[in-house]
Amino acid sequence: MVVALGAYLTLKRPGDKSCPAPCTITATTPAPVSGLTDWPTYGLNPEKTRYLDAPDVEPPFAIRWRFKGRNLLEYSPVLAGNQIFGVNNNGLAFALKASTGKARWKQQVAHLNASSPTYSDKVIYVSNLEPGQVVALAQSDGHILWKHPLPGRSESSPLVVGRKVIVGCECNTVYALNKDTGQTIWQRHVNGAVKASPAYEDGIVYLGDYSGEMNAIRVKDGSIKWQTGSQGSGFGRSGRFYAAATVAFGRVYAGNADGRMYSFDQQTGNLAWSHSTGNYVYAAAIAARTPDTPPSVYFGSYDGTFYALDARTGDERWSVPDLGAISGAASLIGDVAYVADLKTTSTYGFDVRNGDKVFQYQDGAYNPVISNGKDLFLTGYKTLYALRPGTGPAKDGILQKEPKTPPAAGQTTTQPTAGKQKKQKNAKK
């Protein structure tokens, strides 16, 4: 009996942590990205807040063009000027004209990919699963400028900080590479596989790993500022960080495979609060203070619920249940948070003021939306769509009469139908 009780206490899932008094945040940082802009990296900005203050980009939308990605598009593309850069699951990198959807170039860079590229100074940087590597491509035509082999796979979307490309590897290592040559500047061993994309602010990158630790690493030399753990295993849940961190309000927010969203003090790594969901949290969080909402974090869980939490305390503001499993990160454009699920392979938009559904489109699976402050670019299961705000009769936020402008060469004009593309990628282990 004593042995059984001891085993239970060891395995018992610890309760959530509440924010201790005085429980303060820095409500003014970082400044939101506003107006017409690029979306050059996964998560929009180095802090990965995923919030674009563009209130005019709102439903209803007209579909301007479609581009067939040929294979699964698990991660959203990035955007610079009038160009969109993406990589499909089979490692095909491509560049499109954002105005027409017409392909400018395509380049096979890998056999397997599960990350977004990043753009900096006319170069596209991509990390790959198979082979494990980081590749630099010329913006103009996609030719390979350099390759850096890694000793393990990588699905850590790269981040450029100054002259360094920061990327994580499943080999338990974080790398800083010279952005011009690909040569290693420093490498930092951590205690678990790094699958997350780095987030950055004020000289520090933040990445969780599969040992359940969140790491704060100095970009200058790769030294550790702090490391802190999740609340650990409970009934088989491992405490692994898959999701990219989000840095805002003096906190670091990150979802975990133990089913929680965590909030750490940015300076010390101390745990401010944790909030449980009913399943894995693979999705990175939006962090935003809009003109109409308090500082909040928004994210989806594999339990099929989309959550809005108070960024200071972790208390629930509202939630939307009964969706399919959510694996990908949402994005907030204006007052609408867009998220996709795996069950229906649909994309939804929720008003962040109250959680009301204002948009639904029957395509989407993982990381669904980016924007340039004028158009919305939606990533479906295998197709990219350009959507532009309009007026007229609409259903689920989509105008029922499409514009008369002809589609780009090689594009399809057929609407995706509900029930198609029901394939799901296996849950990440």
Protein backbone atom coordinates (compact mmCIF):
# COMPACT_ATOMS: atom_id res chain seq x y z
CA MET A 1 0.00 0.00 0.00
CA VAL A 2 2.81 2.41 0.92
CA VAL A 3 4.64 1.57 -2.35
CA ALA A 4 1.48 2.16 -4.37
CA LEU A 5 0.88 5.51 -2.67
CA GLY A 6 4.47 6.54 -3.34
CA ALA A 7 4.15 5.64 -7.02
CA TYR A 8 0.92 7.62 -7.26
CA LEU A 9 2.49 10.70 -5.69
CA THR A 10 5.46 10.44 -8.07
CA LEU A 11 3.30 10.17 -11.17
CA LYS A 12 0.48 12.48 -10.12
CA ARG A 13 0.14 15.45 -12.39
CA PRO A 14 0.95 18.59 -10.37
CA GLY A 15 -1.67 21.30 -10.24
CA ASP A 16 -1.49 24.53 -12.17
CA LYS A 17 0.52 27.39 -10.72
CA SER A 18 -1.21 30.71 -10.07
CA CYS A 19 0.56 33.99 -10.57
CA PRO A 20 1.98 35.20 -7.25
CA ALA A 21 1.31 38.73 -6.00
CA PRO A 22 1.88 41.34 -7.25
CA CYS A 23 1.74 39.48 -10.61
CA THR A 24 2.80 42.37 -12.83
CA ILE A 25 3.56 42.51 -16.54
CA THR A 26 5.01 45.12 -18.88
CA ALA A 27 1.85 45.91 -20.79
CA THR A 28 3.49 48.13 -23.44
CA THR A 29 6.09 45.78 -24.94
CA PRO A 30 6.72 44.85 -27.63
CA ALA A 31 5.14 47.50 -29.82
CA PRO A 32 2.63 45.94 -32.25
CA VAL A 33 3.44 45.62 -35.94
CA SER A 34 1.06 47.90 -37.82
CA GLY A 35 0.05 48.95 -41.32
CA LEU A 36 1.50 47.71 -44.59
CA THR A 37 4.39 45.44 -43.74
CA ASP A 38 6.44 42.37 -44.58
CA TRP A 39 5.93 39.08 -42.75
CA PRO A 40 9.57 37.95 -43.06
CA THR A 41 9.81 35.20 -40.47
CA TYR A 42 7.75 32.56 -38.69
CA GLY A 43 5.62 34.38 -36.13
CA LEU A 44 5.94 37.78 -37.91
CA ASN A 45 8.59 39.41 -35.69
CA PRO A 46 11.59 38.20 -33.65
CA GLU A 47 9.43 38.02 -30.51
CA LYS A 48 6.96 35.81 -32.44
CA THR A 49 3.91 37.66 -31.18
CA ARG A 50 1.93 36.74 -34.35
CA TYR A 51 -0.10 39.97 -34.07
CA LEU A 52 -0.53 42.41 -36.96
CA ASP A 53 -2.52 45.54 -36.09
CA ALA A 54 -4.39 45.82 -39.40
CA PRO A 55 -8.07 46.37 -38.52
CA ASP A 56 -9.09 46.88 -42.16
CA VAL A 57 -8.05 43.32 -43.03
CA GLU A 58 -11.27 41.74 -41.88
CA PRO A 59 -14.02 39.50 -43.27
CA PRO A 60 -15.72 39.25 -45.64
CA PHE A 61 -13.03 38.37 -48.17
CA ALA A 62 -12.92 37.78 -51.91
CA ILE A 63 -10.58 35.05 -53.14
CA ARG A 64 -8.07 36.69 -55.49
CA TRP A 65 -5.93 33.68 -56.45
CA ARG A 66 -4.97 30.12 -55.52
CA PHE A 67 -1.63 28.35 -55.78
CA LYS A 68 -1.30 24.57 -55.64
CA GLY A 69 1.60 23.56 -53.40
CA ARG A 70 1.51 19.96 -54.73
CA ASN A 71 2.11 18.44 -51.27
CA LEU A 72 1.25 19.18 -47.65
CA LEU A 73 1.86 22.78 -46.59
CA GLU A 74 2.33 22.28 -42.88
CA TYR A 75 3.93 25.67 -42.25
CA SER A 76 2.89 29.08 -43.49
CA PRO A 77 5.10 30.94 -45.95
CA VAL A 78 6.79 34.29 -45.34
CA LEU A 79 6.42 37.50 -47.28
CA ALA A 80 8.75 40.31 -48.34
CA GLY A 81 7.64 43.06 -50.70
CA ASN A 82 5.59 41.50 -53.49
CA GLN A 83 7.03 38.03 -52.97
CA ILE A 84 5.88 35.02 -50.95
CA PHE A 85 8.38 32.30 -50.04
CA GLY A 86 7.32 28.84 -48.87
CA VAL A 87 8.44 25.21 -48.57
CA ASN A 88 6.14 22.20 -48.84
CA ASN A 89 6.43 19.01 -46.79
CA ASN A 90 8.45 17.30 -49.54
CA GLY A 91 11.16 19.96 -49.42
CA LEU A 92 10.16 21.97 -52.49
CA ALA A 93 10.91 25.66 -51.94
CA PHE A 94 9.06 28.20 -54.06
CA ALA A 95 8.61 31.93 -54.62
CA LEU A 96 5.34 33.53 -55.75
CA LYS A 97 4.24 36.99 -56.77
CA ALA A 98 2.00 38.10 -53.93
CA SER A 99 -0.18 40.12 -56.32
CA THR A 100 -0.97 37.25 -58.71
CA GLY A 101 0.06 33.94 -57.14
CA LYS A 102 2.24 33.19 -60.15
CA ALA A 103 5.34 31.11 -59.37
CA ARG A 104 8.64 32.92 -59.93
CA TRP A 105 10.87 29.92 -59.14
CA LYS A 106 10.91 26.49 -57.51
CA GLN A 107 13.88 24.69 -55.96
CA GLN A 108 14.06 21.19 -54.48
CA VAL A 109 16.12 21.59 -51.31
CA ALA A 110 15.29 18.49 -49.23
CA HIS A 111 13.28 15.26 -49.00
CA LEU A 112 11.30 16.26 -45.90
CA ASN A 113 10.52 19.67 -44.43
CA ALA A 114 8.40 20.87 -41.51
CA SER A 115 9.27 24.52 -40.95
CA SER A 116 8.80 28.00 -42.37
CA PRO A 117 11.62 29.79 -44.17
CA THR A 118 12.87 33.17 -43.06
CA TYR A 119 13.83 36.17 -45.19
CA SER A 120 16.67 38.63 -44.68
CA ASP A 121 18.59 40.88 -47.08
CA LYS A 122 17.48 39.13 -50.29
CA VAL A 123 18.27 35.65 -48.95
CA ILE A 124 15.86 32.86 -47.90
CA TYR A 125 16.98 30.55 -45.07
CA VAL A 126 15.43 27.09 -44.64
CA SER A 127 16.02 24.29 -42.11
CA ASN A 128 15.18 20.70 -43.12
CA LEU A 129 14.33 17.39 -41.50
CA GLU A 130 15.81 15.11 -44.16
CA PRO A 131 18.60 15.72 -44.69
CA GLY A 132 19.22 17.65 -41.49
CA GLN A 133 20.61 20.94 -42.74
CA VAL A 134 20.24 24.70 -43.08
CA VAL A 135 20.11 26.06 -46.63
CA ALA A 136 20.47 29.63 -47.92
CA LEU A 137 18.72 30.47 -51.22
CA ALA A 138 18.95 33.58 -53.39
CA GLN A 139 15.71 35.55 -53.39
CA SER A 140 16.03 36.30 -57.12
CA ASP A 141 16.00 32.78 -58.58
CA GLY A 142 16.23 30.26 -55.70
CA HIS A 143 19.75 29.09 -56.43
CA ILE A 144 21.57 27.65 -53.41
CA LEU A 145 24.12 30.00 -51.86
CA TRP A 146 25.31 27.64 -49.12
CA LYS A 147 24.35 24.53 -47.18
CA HIS A 148 25.26 23.71 -43.59
CA PRO A 149 24.82 20.00 -42.71
CA LEU A 150 23.57 19.26 -39.18
CA PRO A 151 24.19 16.09 -37.12
CA GLY A 152 20.42 15.71 -36.70
CA ARG A 153 17.08 16.70 -38.16
CA SER A 154 15.69 20.23 -37.86
CA GLU A 155 12.13 21.56 -37.95
CA SER A 156 13.15 24.74 -36.15
CA SER A 157 12.18 27.62 -38.41
CA PRO A 158 15.33 29.78 -38.61
CA LEU A 159 15.56 33.28 -37.17
CA VAL A 160 18.05 35.91 -38.34
CA VAL A 161 19.49 38.11 -35.58
CA GLY A 162 22.03 40.60 -36.87
CA ARG A 163 24.58 38.59 -38.88
CA LYS A 164 23.59 35.26 -37.31
CA VAL A 165 21.08 32.60 -38.33
CA ILE A 166 19.78 30.91 -35.18
CA VAL A 167 18.32 27.41 -35.51
CA GLY A 168 17.66 24.39 -33.30
CA CYS A 169 18.44 20.74 -34.02
CA GLU A 170 17.07 17.41 -32.79
CA CYS A 171 20.70 16.70 -31.84
CA ASN A 172 20.10 18.66 -28.58
CA THR A 173 21.93 21.69 -29.94
CA VAL A 174 21.21 25.31 -30.82
CA TYR A 175 23.37 26.79 -33.60
CA ALA A 176 24.35 30.31 -34.60
CA LEU A 177 25.53 30.34 -38.20
CA ASN A 178 27.13 33.15 -40.20
CA LYS A 179 24.30 34.38 -42.44
CA ASP A 180 26.70 35.02 -45.35
CA THR A 181 28.73 31.79 -45.30
CA GLY A 182 26.83 29.27 -43.16
CA GLN A 183 29.87 28.68 -40.95
CA THR A 184 29.26 27.94 -37.27
CA ILE A 185 29.79 30.94 -34.97
CA TRP A 186 28.76 29.07 -31.83
CA GLN A 187 26.76 26.05 -30.77
CA ARG A 188 25.06 25.42 -27.46
CA HIS A 189 24.21 21.95 -26.16
CA VAL A 190 20.90 21.72 -24.26
CA ASN A 191 19.26 18.80 -22.49
CA GLY A 192 16.76 17.72 -25.14
CA ALA A 193 15.94 17.79 -28.84
CA VAL A 194 15.14 21.31 -30.07
CA LYS A 195 12.17 21.35 -32.44
CA ALA A 196 10.90 24.87 -31.72
CA SER A 197 11.77 28.00 -33.63
CA PRO A 198 13.76 30.54 -31.59
CA ALA A 199 12.14 33.72 -30.29
CA TYR A 200 14.30 36.77 -29.62
CA GLU A 201 14.35 40.01 -27.69
CA ASP A 202 17.09 42.26 -26.32
CA GLY A 203 20.11 40.01 -26.93
CA ILE A 204 18.49 36.73 -25.79
CA VAL A 205 16.93 33.85 -27.75
CA TYR A 206 14.33 31.63 -26.09
CA LEU A 207 13.76 27.99 -27.05
CA GLY A 208 12.13 25.07 -25.29
CA ASP A 209 13.44 21.53 -25.69
CA TYR A 210 12.23 17.95 -25.35
CA SER A 211 13.70 17.55 -21.87
CA GLY A 212 11.01 19.98 -20.72
CA GLU A 213 13.35 22.93 -20.21
CA MET A 214 12.98 26.47 -21.50
CA ASN A 215 16.37 27.94 -22.40
CA ALA A 216 17.39 31.61 -22.48
CA ILE A 217 20.61 31.88 -24.52
CA ARG A 218 22.74 34.96 -25.17
CA VAL A 219 23.04 35.59 -28.91
CA LYS A 220 26.48 37.17 -28.50
CA ASP A 221 28.29 33.98 -27.48
CA GLY A 222 25.77 31.18 -26.89
CA SER A 223 26.09 31.28 -23.11
CA ILE A 224 23.11 30.39 -20.94
CA LYS A 225 21.30 33.20 -19.15
CA TRP A 226 18.83 30.82 -17.49
CA GLN A 227 17.21 27.43 -17.88
CA THR A 228 13.99 26.40 -16.23
CA GLY A 229 11.78 23.33 -16.36
CA SER A 230 8.11 22.74 -16.95
CA GLN A 231 6.04 21.20 -14.18
CA GLY A 232 7.16 17.82 -15.41
CA SER A 233 5.55 14.51 -16.16
CA GLY A 234 2.26 13.31 -14.88
CA PHE A 235 0.55 10.08 -15.88
CA GLY A 236 2.80 9.63 -18.90
CA ARG A 237 2.90 13.25 -20.04
CA SER A 238 6.48 14.16 -20.65
CA GLY A 239 6.77 17.92 -20.31
CA ARG A 240 8.26 18.40 -23.79
CA PHE A 241 8.34 21.83 -25.42
CA TYR A 242 7.48 21.53 -29.11
CA ALA A 243 5.86 24.95 -29.59
CA ALA A 244 7.89 28.06 -30.31
CA ALA A 245 8.02 30.54 -27.45
CA THR A 246 6.36 33.95 -27.61
CA VAL A 247 8.05 36.90 -25.89
CA ALA A 248 5.79 39.73 -24.71
CA PHE A 249 4.88 41.80 -21.65
CA GLY A 250 8.09 40.82 -19.86
CA ARG A 251 7.12 37.15 -20.08
CA VAL A 252 7.95 34.09 -22.18
CA TYR A 253 4.87 32.05 -23.15
CA ALA A 254 5.13 28.49 -24.45
CA GLY A 255 2.82 25.51 -24.87
CA ASN A 256 3.91 22.05 -23.79
CA ALA A 257 3.13 18.42 -24.54
CA ASP A 258 2.05 18.03 -20.90
CA GLY A 259 -1.10 19.91 -21.92
CA ARG A 260 -0.25 23.29 -20.42
CA MET A 261 0.48 26.82 -21.50
CA TYR A 262 3.34 28.27 -19.44
CA SER A 263 4.29 31.84 -18.60
CA PHE A 264 7.87 32.48 -17.41
CA ASP A 265 9.45 35.69 -16.18
CA GLN A 266 11.59 36.89 -19.07
CA GLN A 267 14.49 38.05 -16.88
CA THR A 268 14.73 35.21 -14.37
CA GLY A 269 12.95 32.21 -15.88
CA ASN A 270 10.75 31.91 -12.79
CA LEU A 271 7.37 30.34 -13.51
CA ALA A 272 4.65 33.00 -13.29
CA TRP A 273 1.68 30.74 -14.06
CA SER A 274 0.54 27.63 -15.91
CA HIS A 275 -2.84 26.83 -17.43
CA SER A 276 -3.97 23.28 -18.20
CA THR A 277 -5.84 22.13 -21.28
CA GLY A 278 -7.15 18.66 -22.02
CA ASN A 279 -4.35 17.56 -24.35
CA TYR A 280 -1.02 18.45 -25.97
CA VAL A 281 -0.28 22.12 -26.70
CA TYR A 282 1.87 22.02 -29.84
CA ALA A 283 0.71 25.43 -31.04
CA ALA A 284 2.67 28.62 -30.49
CA ALA A 285 0.72 31.42 -28.80
CA ILE A 286 -0.35 34.82 -30.03
CA ALA A 287 0.48 37.55 -27.53
CA ALA A 288 -1.32 40.85 -28.03
CA ARG A 289 -2.87 43.87 -26.46
CA THR A 290 -5.34 45.22 -29.01
CA PRO A 291 -7.18 48.55 -28.68
CA ASP A 292 -10.21 46.60 -27.42
CA THR A 293 -8.68 43.82 -25.29
CA PRO A 294 -6.36 43.49 -22.31
CA PRO A 295 -2.93 41.83 -22.75
CA SER A 296 -3.83 38.29 -23.74
CA VAL A 297 -2.44 35.06 -25.14
CA TYR A 298 -4.40 33.01 -27.68
CA PHE A 299 -3.67 29.41 -28.68
CA GLY A 300 -5.21 26.08 -29.60
CA SER A 301 -4.84 22.67 -28.00
CA TYR A 302 -5.10 19.11 -29.23
CA ASP A 303 -8.20 18.95 -27.01
CA GLY A 304 -10.07 20.82 -29.77
CA THR A 305 -10.41 24.11 -27.87
CA PHE A 306 -9.13 27.55 -28.78
CA TYR A 307 -8.23 29.59 -25.68
CA ALA A 308 -7.94 33.26 -24.79
CA LEU A 309 -6.11 33.80 -21.49
CA ASP A 310 -5.23 36.87 -19.50
CA ALA A 311 -1.51 37.34 -20.20
CA ARG A 312 -0.85 38.50 -16.66
CA THR A 313 -2.59 35.81 -14.60
CA GLY A 314 -3.37 32.95 -17.00
CA ASP A 315 -7.08 33.20 -16.18
CA GLU A 316 -9.42 32.31 -19.02
CA ARG A 317 -11.09 35.22 -20.79
CA TRP A 318 -13.04 32.98 -23.17
CA SER A 319 -12.66 29.72 -25.05
CA VAL A 320 -14.17 28.02 -28.10
CA PRO A 321 -14.62 24.24 -27.61
CA ASP A 322 -15.62 21.43 -29.96
CA LEU A 323 -13.17 22.12 -32.76
CA GLY A 324 -10.88 19.43 -34.11
CA ALA A 325 -7.39 18.89 -32.73
CA ILE A 326 -5.32 22.06 -33.12
CA SER A 327 -1.64 21.57 -33.88
CA GLY A 328 -0.63 24.78 -35.68
CA ALA A 329 -0.17 28.32 -34.44
CA ALA A 330 -2.88 30.91 -34.88
CA SER A 331 -2.34 34.49 -36.12
CA LEU A 332 -4.13 37.66 -35.06
CA ILE A 333 -4.91 40.17 -37.81
CA GLY A 334 -6.76 43.23 -36.52
CA ASP A 335 -9.39 41.85 -34.14
CA VAL A 336 -9.65 38.38 -35.67
CA ALA A 337 -7.59 35.36 -34.59
CA TYR A 338 -7.32 32.73 -37.34
CA VAL A 339 -6.71 29.08 -36.48
CA ALA A 340 -7.02 25.76 -38.32
CA ASP A 341 -7.86 22.27 -37.07
CA LEU A 342 -6.99 18.75 -38.18
CA LYS A 343 -10.42 17.11 -37.93
CA THR A 344 -12.27 19.25 -40.45
CA THR A 345 -9.17 20.69 -42.18
CA SER A 346 -10.86 24.08 -41.92
CA THR A 347 -9.71 27.57 -40.98
CA TYR A 348 -11.71 29.61 -38.46
CA GLY A 349 -11.63 33.26 -37.45
CA PHE A 350 -12.67 34.36 -33.96
CA ASP A 351 -13.28 37.91 -32.74
CA VAL A 352 -10.75 38.27 -29.91
CA ARG A 353 -13.03 40.63 -28.02
CA ASN A 354 -15.56 37.91 -27.27
CA GLY A 355 -14.69 34.65 -29.09
CA ASP A 356 -17.49 34.95 -31.65
CA LYS A 357 -16.85 33.10 -34.91
CA VAL A 358 -16.68 35.55 -37.83
CA PHE A 359 -14.93 33.42 -40.48
CA GLN A 360 -14.80 29.82 -41.65
CA TYR A 361 -13.22 28.34 -44.78
CA GLN A 362 -13.16 24.69 -45.71
CA ASP A 363 -9.41 24.36 -46.11
CA GLY A 364 -6.59 24.55 -43.58
CA ALA A 365 -4.78 22.24 -41.20
CA TYR A 366 -1.75 23.69 -39.41
CA ASN A 367 -0.43 27.29 -39.52
CA PRO A 368 -3.09 29.07 -41.52
CA VAL A 369 -2.63 32.82 -41.99
CA ILE A 370 -0.17 35.64 -42.67
CA SER A 371 -0.85 39.17 -43.94
CA ASN A 372 0.87 42.19 -45.45
CA GLY A 373 -1.62 44.65 -43.96
CA LYS A 374 -3.73 44.64 -47.12
CA ASP A 375 -4.44 41.01 -48.03
CA LEU A 376 -4.81 37.81 -46.06
CA PHE A 377 -2.78 34.80 -47.27
CA LEU A 378 -4.34 31.54 -46.13
CA THR A 379 -2.42 28.26 -46.07
CA GLY A 380 -4.68 25.31 -46.78
CA TYR A 381 -3.74 21.65 -46.70
CA LYS A 382 -2.00 21.84 -50.09
CA THR A 383 -3.11 25.21 -51.46
CA LEU A 384 -2.27 28.86 -50.78
CA TYR A 385 -5.02 31.47 -51.15
CA ALA A 386 -4.90 35.24 -51.40
CA LEU A 387 -7.95 36.91 -49.84
CA ARG A 388 -8.84 40.60 -50.02
CA PRO A 389 -11.43 42.40 -47.89
CA GLY A 390 -14.58 43.34 -49.80
CA THR A 391 -18.26 44.06 -49.51
CA GLY A 392 -21.39 42.24 -50.58
CA PRO A 393 -23.33 39.07 -49.78
CA ALA A 394 -21.12 36.72 -47.80
CA LYS A 395 -21.24 33.35 -46.07
CA ASP A 396 -18.84 32.51 -43.23
CA GLY A 397 -16.79 35.56 -44.12
CA ILE A 398 -16.33 34.69 -47.83
CA LEU A 399 -17.96 36.84 -50.53
CA GLN A 400 -20.31 34.77 -52.64
CA LYS A 401 -19.41 36.53 -55.87
CA GLU A 402 -15.72 36.42 -56.73
CA PRO A 403 -13.93 39.25 -58.56
CA LYS A 404 -13.84 39.08 -62.34
CA THR A 405 -10.07 39.36 -62.63
CA PRO A 406 -8.71 36.23 -64.34
CA PRO A 407 -6.64 33.74 -62.31
CA ALA A 408 -2.87 33.63 -62.71
CA ALA A 409 -1.46 31.24 -65.27
CA GLY A 410 -1.59 27.66 -64.10
CA GLN A 411 -3.96 28.42 -61.24
CA THR A 412 -7.25 26.69 -60.56
CA THR A 413 -10.61 28.45 -60.13
CA THR A 414 -12.37 25.57 -58.41
CA GLN A 415 -13.52 26.07 -54.85
CA PRO A 416 -12.30 23.37 -52.44
CA THR A 417 -15.26 21.34 -51.24
CA ALA A 418 -16.05 20.32 -47.70
CA GLY A 419 -15.03 16.80 -46.91
CA LYS A 420 -12.03 16.75 -49.23
CA GLN A 421 -8.46 16.47 -48.02
CA LYS A 422 -9.34 14.74 -44.78
CA LYS A 423 -5.90 13.20 -44.42
CA GLN A 424 -4.18 14.02 -41.18
CA LYS A 425 -0.56 14.00 -40.31
CA ASN A 426 0.17 11.66 -37.40
CA ALA A 427 0.42 13.41 -34.06
CA LYS A 428 4.00 14.38 -33.30
CA LYS A 429 5.65 12.07 -30.82
